[in-house]
């Protein structure tokens, strides 16, 4: 997946937005933090990912042309794929679930870092016009499950980048 966050949806090529692989979303967190992102999904095999991570194949070969155009159009100037560093691994456990007592499907992700620290994210989706109502209902549902909503919220990707950058800066291995 190629993802840009934050993004102004008006800056995304209209033809690209019509693609089945394109998704524009607004992530809202308790406390009022919201960020818009755009992503393009693609498919590759686990072996291709391992080959790219080992340097056996170029990273760009993992992505279809549509994703490469998106990356090239939105990456910071001078940040080509060959300059990117591999960070990881992060063990990701992900489950989709349709609760009997909540009208929307939920997704639960647990990101486990190499040092054992972790981030749990429980999310749901709705249409823009349903946002406030769905958010209130979801917060109530999460609390009824015993999940504390008032804890510090952080974006998984940002937290992962900070984790590995700190290791890199300290001269520690990043894998």
N, C-alpha and C. Protein backbone atom coordinates (compact mmCIF):
# COMPACT_ATOMS: atom_id res chain seq x y z
N UNK A 1 0.83 -1.16 0.00
CA UNK A 1 0.00 0.00 0.00
C UNK A 1 0.89 1.24 0.00
N UNK A 2 0.49 2.21 -0.75
CA UNK A 2 1.12 3.53 -0.74
C UNK A 2 0.10 4.46 -0.09
N UNK A 3 0.52 5.19 0.96
CA UNK A 3 -0.42 6.03 1.69
C UNK A 3 0.16 7.41 1.91
N UNK A 4 -0.71 8.41 1.81
CA UNK A 4 -0.30 9.78 2.10
C UNK A 4 -1.18 10.32 3.21
N UNK A 5 -0.52 10.82 4.24
CA UNK A 5 -1.22 11.40 5.39
C UNK A 5 -0.39 12.55 5.90
N UNK A 6 -0.89 13.71 6.10
CA UNK A 6 -2.24 14.17 5.76
C UNK A 6 -2.33 14.48 4.27
N UNK A 7 -3.56 14.57 3.79
CA UNK A 7 -3.78 14.91 2.39
C UNK A 7 -5.06 15.74 2.28
N UNK A 8 -5.04 16.66 1.35
CA UNK A 8 -6.25 17.39 0.97
C UNK A 8 -6.87 16.59 -0.17
N UNK A 9 -8.05 16.02 0.02
CA UNK A 9 -8.64 15.18 -1.03
C UNK A 9 -8.75 15.87 -2.38
N UNK A 10 -8.86 17.20 -2.38
CA UNK A 10 -8.96 17.94 -3.64
C UNK A 10 -7.68 17.84 -4.47
N UNK A 11 -6.57 17.46 -3.85
CA UNK A 11 -5.30 17.36 -4.57
C UNK A 11 -5.10 16.00 -5.23
N UNK A 12 -6.01 15.06 -4.98
CA UNK A 12 -5.89 13.73 -5.57
C UNK A 12 -6.54 13.74 -6.95
N UNK A 13 -5.81 13.24 -7.92
CA UNK A 13 -6.29 13.20 -9.29
C UNK A 13 -7.68 12.53 -9.34
N UNK A 14 -8.67 13.20 -9.96
CA UNK A 14 -10.03 12.64 -10.01
C UNK A 14 -10.10 11.25 -10.64
N UNK A 15 -9.30 11.02 -11.66
CA UNK A 15 -9.29 9.70 -12.29
C UNK A 15 -8.78 8.65 -11.31
N UNK A 16 -7.76 8.99 -10.54
CA UNK A 16 -7.21 8.08 -9.55
C UNK A 16 -8.24 7.79 -8.45
N UNK A 17 -8.99 8.81 -8.04
CA UNK A 17 -10.00 8.62 -6.98
C UNK A 17 -11.09 7.65 -7.40
N UNK A 18 -11.32 7.49 -8.71
CA UNK A 18 -12.33 6.56 -9.20
C UNK A 18 -11.81 5.12 -9.22
N UNK A 19 -10.53 4.94 -9.03
CA UNK A 19 -9.94 3.60 -9.04
C UNK A 19 -10.45 2.78 -7.85
N UNK A 20 -10.70 1.51 -8.07
CA UNK A 20 -11.12 0.61 -6.99
C UNK A 20 -10.05 0.45 -5.92
N UNK A 21 -8.80 0.71 -6.27
CA UNK A 21 -7.72 0.54 -5.30
C UNK A 21 -7.47 1.80 -4.47
N UNK A 22 -8.16 2.90 -4.79
CA UNK A 22 -7.96 4.17 -4.07
C UNK A 22 -8.97 4.31 -2.93
N UNK A 23 -8.48 4.77 -1.79
CA UNK A 23 -9.35 5.01 -0.64
C UNK A 23 -8.95 6.33 -0.01
N UNK A 24 -9.92 7.20 0.20
CA UNK A 24 -9.70 8.45 0.92
C UNK A 24 -10.53 8.35 2.19
N UNK A 25 -9.90 8.61 3.33
CA UNK A 25 -10.61 8.46 4.59
C UNK A 25 -10.21 9.53 5.59
N UNK A 26 -11.08 9.73 6.55
CA UNK A 26 -10.83 10.66 7.65
C UNK A 26 -10.77 9.83 8.91
N UNK A 27 -9.64 9.86 9.59
CA UNK A 27 -9.49 9.16 10.86
C UNK A 27 -9.80 10.15 11.98
N UNK A 28 -10.77 9.80 12.82
CA UNK A 28 -11.14 10.64 13.96
C UNK A 28 -10.82 9.87 15.23
N UNK A 29 -10.19 10.56 16.18
CA UNK A 29 -9.83 9.94 17.44
C UNK A 29 -10.47 10.72 18.58
N UNK A 30 -10.63 10.07 19.74
CA UNK A 30 -11.15 10.80 20.89
C UNK A 30 -10.31 12.05 21.14
N UNK A 31 -10.96 13.10 21.57
CA UNK A 31 -10.26 14.36 21.80
C UNK A 31 -10.34 15.29 20.62
N UNK A 32 -10.94 14.83 19.52
CA UNK A 32 -11.16 15.70 18.38
C UNK A 32 -10.08 15.68 17.31
N UNK A 33 -9.03 14.88 17.49
CA UNK A 33 -7.98 14.82 16.46
C UNK A 33 -8.53 14.11 15.22
N UNK A 34 -8.38 14.74 14.07
CA UNK A 34 -8.82 14.16 12.79
C UNK A 34 -7.73 14.37 11.76
N UNK A 35 -7.55 13.38 10.89
CA UNK A 35 -6.60 13.52 9.81
C UNK A 35 -7.13 12.78 8.59
N UNK A 36 -6.99 13.41 7.44
CA UNK A 36 -7.43 12.81 6.18
C UNK A 36 -6.24 12.13 5.52
N UNK A 37 -6.48 10.94 4.96
CA UNK A 37 -5.42 10.22 4.27
C UNK A 37 -5.96 9.66 2.97
N UNK A 38 -5.05 9.36 2.07
CA UNK A 38 -5.38 8.71 0.81
C UNK A 38 -4.41 7.56 0.62
N UNK A 39 -4.93 6.43 0.16
CA UNK A 39 -4.07 5.28 -0.05
C UNK A 39 -4.47 4.54 -1.32
N UNK A 40 -3.49 3.83 -1.85
CA UNK A 40 -3.70 2.95 -3.00
C UNK A 40 -3.22 1.57 -2.61
N UNK A 41 -4.11 0.60 -2.70
CA UNK A 41 -3.76 -0.77 -2.35
C UNK A 41 -3.29 -1.52 -3.59
N UNK A 42 -2.46 -2.50 -3.35
CA UNK A 42 -1.96 -3.37 -4.40
C UNK A 42 -1.72 -4.75 -3.82
N UNK A 43 -1.26 -5.66 -4.62
CA UNK A 43 -0.99 -7.02 -4.17
C UNK A 43 0.41 -7.43 -4.55
N UNK A 44 1.05 -8.11 -3.62
CA UNK A 44 2.33 -8.76 -3.91
C UNK A 44 2.43 -9.94 -2.95
N UNK A 45 3.32 -10.84 -3.25
CA UNK A 45 3.46 -12.03 -2.42
C UNK A 45 4.39 -11.76 -1.24
N UNK A 46 4.29 -12.60 -0.24
CA UNK A 46 5.20 -12.51 0.91
C UNK A 46 6.65 -12.68 0.46
N UNK A 47 6.86 -13.57 -0.50
CA UNK A 47 8.21 -13.79 -1.00
C UNK A 47 8.77 -12.55 -1.68
N UNK A 48 7.92 -11.84 -2.42
CA UNK A 48 8.37 -10.61 -3.07
C UNK A 48 8.77 -9.57 -2.01
N UNK A 49 8.00 -9.48 -0.93
CA UNK A 49 8.36 -8.55 0.14
C UNK A 49 9.70 -8.94 0.75
N UNK A 50 9.90 -10.22 1.03
CA UNK A 50 11.18 -10.69 1.58
C UNK A 50 12.33 -10.41 0.61
N UNK A 51 12.09 -10.61 -0.68
CA UNK A 51 13.13 -10.36 -1.68
C UNK A 51 13.49 -8.88 -1.74
N UNK A 52 12.49 -8.01 -1.65
CA UNK A 52 12.75 -6.57 -1.65
C UNK A 52 13.50 -6.16 -0.38
N UNK A 53 13.10 -6.73 0.76
CA UNK A 53 13.75 -6.39 2.03
C UNK A 53 15.21 -6.83 2.04
N UNK A 54 15.51 -7.93 1.36
CA UNK A 54 16.90 -8.41 1.32
C UNK A 54 17.72 -7.73 0.24
N UNK A 55 17.06 -6.96 -0.62
CA UNK A 55 17.77 -6.28 -1.70
C UNK A 55 17.86 -7.10 -2.97
N UNK A 56 17.24 -8.28 -2.99
CA UNK A 56 17.30 -9.14 -4.18
C UNK A 56 16.53 -8.54 -5.35
N UNK A 57 15.48 -7.78 -5.05
CA UNK A 57 14.73 -7.09 -6.10
C UNK A 57 14.52 -5.65 -5.64
N UNK A 58 14.35 -4.72 -6.57
CA UNK A 58 14.12 -3.33 -6.16
C UNK A 58 12.76 -3.16 -5.50
N UNK A 59 12.69 -2.27 -4.53
CA UNK A 59 11.45 -1.99 -3.83
C UNK A 59 10.34 -1.60 -4.80
N UNK A 60 10.67 -0.80 -5.81
CA UNK A 60 9.66 -0.34 -6.77
C UNK A 60 8.95 -1.50 -7.47
N UNK A 61 9.60 -2.65 -7.56
CA UNK A 61 8.99 -3.78 -8.27
C UNK A 61 7.79 -4.36 -7.51
N UNK A 62 7.60 -3.98 -6.25
CA UNK A 62 6.47 -4.47 -5.48
C UNK A 62 5.16 -3.77 -5.85
N UNK A 63 5.26 -2.62 -6.50
CA UNK A 63 4.11 -1.76 -6.70
C UNK A 63 3.69 -1.67 -8.16
N UNK A 64 2.37 -1.72 -8.44
CA UNK A 64 1.90 -1.53 -9.81
C UNK A 64 2.08 -0.07 -10.23
N UNK A 65 1.98 0.17 -11.53
CA UNK A 65 2.22 1.51 -12.09
C UNK A 65 1.36 2.59 -11.42
N UNK A 66 0.11 2.27 -11.14
CA UNK A 66 -0.80 3.25 -10.53
C UNK A 66 -0.26 3.72 -9.17
N UNK A 67 0.24 2.78 -8.37
CA UNK A 67 0.81 3.14 -7.07
C UNK A 67 2.10 3.94 -7.23
N UNK A 68 2.92 3.55 -8.19
CA UNK A 68 4.18 4.27 -8.42
C UNK A 68 3.92 5.71 -8.84
N UNK A 69 2.92 5.92 -9.69
CA UNK A 69 2.57 7.29 -10.09
C UNK A 69 2.10 8.10 -8.87
N UNK A 70 1.31 7.48 -8.01
CA UNK A 70 0.83 8.14 -6.80
C UNK A 70 2.01 8.51 -5.89
N UNK A 71 2.92 7.56 -5.71
CA UNK A 71 4.11 7.84 -4.89
C UNK A 71 4.92 8.98 -5.49
N UNK A 72 5.21 8.88 -6.76
CA UNK A 72 6.03 9.90 -7.42
C UNK A 72 5.38 11.28 -7.36
N UNK A 73 4.04 11.32 -7.42
CA UNK A 73 3.33 12.60 -7.40
C UNK A 73 3.27 13.22 -6.00
N UNK A 74 3.34 12.39 -4.95
CA UNK A 74 3.11 12.90 -3.60
C UNK A 74 4.28 12.74 -2.63
N UNK A 75 5.32 12.04 -3.02
CA UNK A 75 6.47 11.90 -2.12
C UNK A 75 7.21 13.24 -2.02
N UNK A 76 7.83 13.50 -0.88
CA UNK A 76 8.62 14.74 -0.77
C UNK A 76 9.71 14.76 -1.84
N UNK A 77 10.03 15.95 -2.30
CA UNK A 77 11.08 16.10 -3.33
C UNK A 77 12.37 15.44 -2.86
N UNK A 78 12.95 14.66 -3.76
CA UNK A 78 14.23 14.01 -3.46
C UNK A 78 14.11 12.70 -2.71
N UNK A 79 12.91 12.32 -2.27
CA UNK A 79 12.75 11.06 -1.54
C UNK A 79 12.26 9.99 -2.51
N UNK A 80 13.23 9.38 -3.18
CA UNK A 80 12.90 8.30 -4.10
C UNK A 80 12.87 6.99 -3.33
N UNK A 81 12.22 6.00 -3.89
CA UNK A 81 12.08 4.72 -3.18
C UNK A 81 13.42 4.09 -2.84
N UNK A 82 14.43 4.31 -3.66
CA UNK A 82 15.73 3.71 -3.38
C UNK A 82 16.41 4.35 -2.17
N UNK A 83 15.87 5.46 -1.65
CA UNK A 83 16.42 6.11 -0.46
C UNK A 83 15.69 5.70 0.82
N UNK A 84 14.63 4.92 0.69
CA UNK A 84 13.85 4.51 1.85
C UNK A 84 14.58 3.41 2.62
N UNK A 85 14.37 3.39 3.94
CA UNK A 85 14.94 2.37 4.80
C UNK A 85 13.85 1.37 5.18
N UNK A 86 14.25 0.13 5.34
CA UNK A 86 13.34 -0.90 5.81
C UNK A 86 13.32 -0.84 7.34
N UNK A 87 12.14 -0.65 7.90
CA UNK A 87 11.95 -0.69 9.34
C UNK A 87 11.09 -1.90 9.65
N UNK A 88 11.46 -2.64 10.67
CA UNK A 88 10.61 -3.76 11.05
C UNK A 88 11.42 -4.93 11.53
N UNK A 89 10.77 -5.99 11.83
CA UNK A 89 9.35 -6.24 11.59
C UNK A 89 8.48 -5.76 12.76
N UNK A 90 7.22 -5.57 12.46
CA UNK A 90 6.18 -5.37 13.47
C UNK A 90 5.18 -6.49 13.24
N UNK A 91 4.90 -7.23 14.30
CA UNK A 91 3.90 -8.29 14.20
C UNK A 91 2.53 -7.63 14.27
N UNK A 92 1.72 -7.87 13.27
CA UNK A 92 0.38 -7.30 13.21
C UNK A 92 -0.65 -8.42 13.29
N UNK A 93 -1.50 -8.34 14.29
CA UNK A 93 -2.63 -9.26 14.41
C UNK A 93 -3.88 -8.44 14.10
N UNK A 94 -4.66 -8.89 13.13
CA UNK A 94 -5.81 -8.10 12.67
C UNK A 94 -7.02 -9.02 12.55
N UNK A 95 -8.14 -8.54 13.08
CA UNK A 95 -9.39 -9.31 12.99
C UNK A 95 -10.54 -8.38 12.66
N UNK A 96 -11.42 -8.84 11.78
CA UNK A 96 -12.66 -8.13 11.47
C UNK A 96 -13.79 -8.88 12.17
N UNK A 97 -14.72 -8.10 12.70
CA UNK A 97 -15.78 -8.73 13.49
C UNK A 97 -17.07 -7.95 13.37
N UNK A 98 -18.19 -8.65 13.29
CA UNK A 98 -19.50 -8.02 13.32
C UNK A 98 -20.15 -8.39 14.65
N UNK A 99 -20.09 -7.47 15.62
CA UNK A 99 -20.68 -7.77 16.93
C UNK A 99 -22.19 -7.95 16.83
N UNK A 100 -22.74 -8.77 17.71
CA UNK A 100 -24.19 -8.97 17.75
C UNK A 100 -24.89 -7.75 18.31
N UNK A 101 -24.20 -7.00 19.18
CA UNK A 101 -24.85 -5.87 19.86
C UNK A 101 -24.35 -4.50 19.40
N UNK A 102 -23.78 -4.44 18.19
CA UNK A 102 -23.34 -3.17 17.60
C UNK A 102 -23.60 -3.25 16.11
N UNK A 103 -24.20 -2.22 15.51
CA UNK A 103 -24.65 -2.34 14.11
C UNK A 103 -23.56 -2.26 13.05
N UNK A 104 -22.35 -1.92 13.42
CA UNK A 104 -21.29 -1.76 12.42
C UNK A 104 -20.20 -2.81 12.63
N UNK A 105 -19.56 -3.17 11.52
CA UNK A 105 -18.42 -4.07 11.62
C UNK A 105 -17.28 -3.32 12.28
N UNK A 106 -16.49 -4.01 13.09
CA UNK A 106 -15.32 -3.40 13.71
C UNK A 106 -14.06 -4.14 13.26
N UNK A 107 -12.96 -3.44 13.33
CA UNK A 107 -11.66 -4.02 13.03
C UNK A 107 -10.78 -3.81 14.26
N UNK A 108 -10.13 -4.87 14.69
CA UNK A 108 -9.22 -4.80 15.83
C UNK A 108 -7.82 -5.11 15.31
N UNK A 109 -6.88 -4.21 15.59
CA UNK A 109 -5.48 -4.43 15.21
C UNK A 109 -4.61 -4.33 16.45
N UNK A 110 -3.71 -5.28 16.59
CA UNK A 110 -2.70 -5.23 17.64
C UNK A 110 -1.34 -5.22 16.97
N UNK A 111 -0.62 -4.12 17.14
CA UNK A 111 0.73 -3.99 16.59
C UNK A 111 1.71 -4.30 17.72
N UNK A 112 2.56 -5.31 17.53
CA UNK A 112 3.52 -5.72 18.55
C UNK A 112 4.93 -5.44 18.03
N UNK A 113 5.64 -4.58 18.76
CA UNK A 113 6.99 -4.17 18.37
C UNK A 113 8.01 -5.19 18.85
N UNK A 114 9.22 -5.18 18.28
CA UNK A 114 10.24 -6.16 18.67
C UNK A 114 10.57 -6.16 20.17
N UNK A 115 10.38 -5.03 20.85
CA UNK A 115 10.68 -4.98 22.29
C UNK A 115 9.48 -5.41 23.15
N UNK A 116 8.38 -5.84 22.51
CA UNK A 116 7.20 -6.29 23.24
C UNK A 116 6.16 -5.20 23.48
N UNK A 117 6.53 -3.93 23.27
CA UNK A 117 5.53 -2.88 23.42
C UNK A 117 4.48 -3.05 22.32
N UNK A 118 3.32 -2.45 22.51
CA UNK A 118 2.25 -2.70 21.55
C UNK A 118 1.25 -1.54 21.51
N UNK A 119 0.50 -1.52 20.43
CA UNK A 119 -0.59 -0.56 20.24
C UNK A 119 -1.81 -1.37 19.82
N UNK A 120 -2.93 -1.10 20.49
CA UNK A 120 -4.20 -1.71 20.14
C UNK A 120 -5.06 -0.64 19.49
N UNK A 121 -5.63 -0.96 18.33
CA UNK A 121 -6.57 -0.06 17.68
C UNK A 121 -7.85 -0.81 17.40
N UNK A 122 -8.95 -0.22 17.81
CA UNK A 122 -10.27 -0.76 17.52
C UNK A 122 -10.98 0.32 16.71
N UNK A 123 -11.46 -0.04 15.52
CA UNK A 123 -12.03 0.98 14.65
C UNK A 123 -13.30 0.48 13.96
N UNK A 124 -14.03 1.44 13.42
CA UNK A 124 -15.20 1.14 12.62
C UNK A 124 -15.27 2.19 11.52
N UNK A 125 -16.15 1.99 10.57
CA UNK A 125 -16.28 2.93 9.45
C UNK A 125 -17.72 3.40 9.33
N UNK A 126 -17.87 4.58 8.76
CA UNK A 126 -19.20 5.12 8.50
C UNK A 126 -19.10 6.13 7.37
N UNK A 127 -20.24 6.54 6.88
CA UNK A 127 -20.30 7.60 5.88
C UNK A 127 -20.05 8.94 6.56
N UNK A 128 -19.52 9.93 5.84
CA UNK A 128 -19.21 11.23 6.45
C UNK A 128 -20.38 11.84 7.23
N UNK A 129 -21.58 11.75 6.68
CA UNK A 129 -22.72 12.37 7.36
C UNK A 129 -23.14 11.62 8.63
N UNK A 130 -22.63 10.43 8.84
CA UNK A 130 -22.93 9.65 10.03
C UNK A 130 -21.87 9.80 11.12
N UNK A 131 -20.83 10.58 10.84
CA UNK A 131 -19.66 10.62 11.70
C UNK A 131 -19.91 10.89 13.17
N UNK A 132 -20.63 11.96 13.49
CA UNK A 132 -20.82 12.31 14.90
C UNK A 132 -21.63 11.25 15.63
N UNK A 133 -22.73 10.82 15.01
CA UNK A 133 -23.58 9.82 15.65
C UNK A 133 -22.84 8.48 15.79
N UNK A 134 -22.18 8.05 14.71
CA UNK A 134 -21.44 6.78 14.75
C UNK A 134 -20.31 6.85 15.78
N UNK A 135 -19.64 8.00 15.87
CA UNK A 135 -18.56 8.15 16.84
C UNK A 135 -19.06 8.01 18.27
N UNK A 136 -20.19 8.64 18.57
CA UNK A 136 -20.76 8.56 19.92
C UNK A 136 -21.18 7.12 20.23
N UNK A 137 -21.84 6.46 19.28
CA UNK A 137 -22.28 5.08 19.49
C UNK A 137 -21.09 4.14 19.67
N UNK A 138 -20.04 4.37 18.87
CA UNK A 138 -18.85 3.51 18.95
C UNK A 138 -18.14 3.69 20.28
N UNK A 139 -18.02 4.92 20.72
CA UNK A 139 -17.37 5.20 22.01
C UNK A 139 -18.12 4.48 23.15
N UNK A 140 -19.45 4.53 23.11
CA UNK A 140 -20.26 3.84 24.11
C UNK A 140 -20.05 2.33 24.04
N UNK A 141 -20.03 1.80 22.80
CA UNK A 141 -19.83 0.35 22.63
C UNK A 141 -18.45 -0.08 23.16
N UNK A 142 -17.43 0.66 22.80
CA UNK A 142 -16.06 0.32 23.24
C UNK A 142 -15.99 0.32 24.77
N UNK A 143 -16.57 1.34 25.39
CA UNK A 143 -16.56 1.42 26.85
C UNK A 143 -17.29 0.22 27.46
N UNK A 144 -18.40 -0.22 26.82
CA UNK A 144 -19.15 -1.37 27.34
C UNK A 144 -18.34 -2.66 27.25
N UNK A 145 -17.32 -2.67 26.39
CA UNK A 145 -16.44 -3.84 26.25
C UNK A 145 -15.27 -3.79 27.22
N UNK A 146 -15.20 -2.72 28.02
CA UNK A 146 -14.13 -2.60 28.99
C UNK A 146 -12.85 -2.01 28.43
N UNK A 147 -12.93 -1.40 27.25
CA UNK A 147 -11.76 -0.77 26.65
C UNK A 147 -11.76 0.70 27.04
N UNK A 148 -10.68 1.15 27.67
CA UNK A 148 -10.59 2.53 28.11
C UNK A 148 -10.33 3.44 26.92
N UNK A 149 -11.25 4.35 26.66
CA UNK A 149 -11.15 5.23 25.51
C UNK A 149 -10.33 6.46 25.82
N UNK A 150 -10.25 6.85 27.07
CA UNK A 150 -9.60 8.10 27.43
C UNK A 150 -8.08 8.05 27.47
N UNK A 151 -7.47 6.95 27.08
CA UNK A 151 -6.02 6.85 27.11
C UNK A 151 -5.41 7.66 25.98
N UNK A 152 -4.12 7.84 26.02
CA UNK A 152 -3.41 8.59 25.00
C UNK A 152 -3.61 7.92 23.64
N UNK A 153 -3.98 8.72 22.65
CA UNK A 153 -4.22 8.21 21.31
C UNK A 153 -3.01 8.54 20.44
N UNK A 154 -2.57 7.61 19.64
CA UNK A 154 -1.50 7.90 18.70
C UNK A 154 -1.71 7.08 17.43
N UNK A 155 -1.32 7.67 16.33
CA UNK A 155 -1.43 6.98 15.05
C UNK A 155 -0.40 5.86 15.01
N UNK A 156 -0.84 4.68 14.56
CA UNK A 156 0.04 3.51 14.55
C UNK A 156 1.28 3.75 13.69
N UNK A 157 1.08 4.30 12.51
CA UNK A 157 2.21 4.50 11.60
C UNK A 157 3.21 5.48 12.20
N UNK A 158 2.73 6.59 12.75
CA UNK A 158 3.62 7.58 13.37
C UNK A 158 4.38 6.95 14.53
N UNK A 159 3.68 6.18 15.35
CA UNK A 159 4.34 5.53 16.49
C UNK A 159 5.42 4.54 16.01
N UNK A 160 5.12 3.80 14.94
CA UNK A 160 6.09 2.85 14.42
C UNK A 160 7.33 3.57 13.89
N UNK A 161 7.13 4.65 13.16
CA UNK A 161 8.27 5.41 12.63
C UNK A 161 9.11 5.98 13.78
N UNK A 162 8.45 6.51 14.81
CA UNK A 162 9.19 7.05 15.95
C UNK A 162 9.97 5.96 16.68
N UNK A 163 9.37 4.80 16.83
CA UNK A 163 10.03 3.67 17.50
C UNK A 163 11.32 3.29 16.76
N UNK A 164 11.21 3.07 15.45
CA UNK A 164 12.39 2.63 14.70
C UNK A 164 13.41 3.74 14.51
N UNK A 165 12.97 4.99 14.39
CA UNK A 165 13.91 6.10 14.27
C UNK A 165 14.73 6.23 15.55
N UNK A 166 14.08 6.08 16.70
CA UNK A 166 14.80 6.16 17.98
C UNK A 166 15.86 5.06 18.06
N UNK A 167 15.54 3.86 17.60
CA UNK A 167 16.51 2.75 17.60
C UNK A 167 17.67 3.07 16.65
N UNK A 168 17.32 3.60 15.46
CA UNK A 168 18.35 3.97 14.48
C UNK A 168 19.27 5.04 15.06
N UNK A 169 18.68 6.08 15.67
CA UNK A 169 19.46 7.18 16.25
C UNK A 169 20.37 6.70 17.38
N UNK A 170 19.92 5.65 18.11
CA UNK A 170 20.70 5.11 19.23
C UNK A 170 21.72 4.08 18.77
N UNK A 171 21.77 3.82 17.47
CA UNK A 171 22.72 2.83 16.96
C UNK A 171 22.28 1.40 17.19
N UNK A 172 21.02 1.19 17.50
CA UNK A 172 20.50 -0.15 17.76
C UNK A 172 19.96 -0.74 16.45
N UNK A 173 19.87 -2.07 16.37
CA UNK A 173 19.32 -2.67 15.15
C UNK A 173 17.84 -2.30 15.00
N UNK A 174 17.40 -2.17 13.75
CA UNK A 174 16.01 -1.81 13.48
C UNK A 174 15.20 -3.00 13.01
N UNK A 175 15.75 -4.18 13.13
CA UNK A 175 14.96 -5.37 12.75
C UNK A 175 15.02 -6.40 13.84
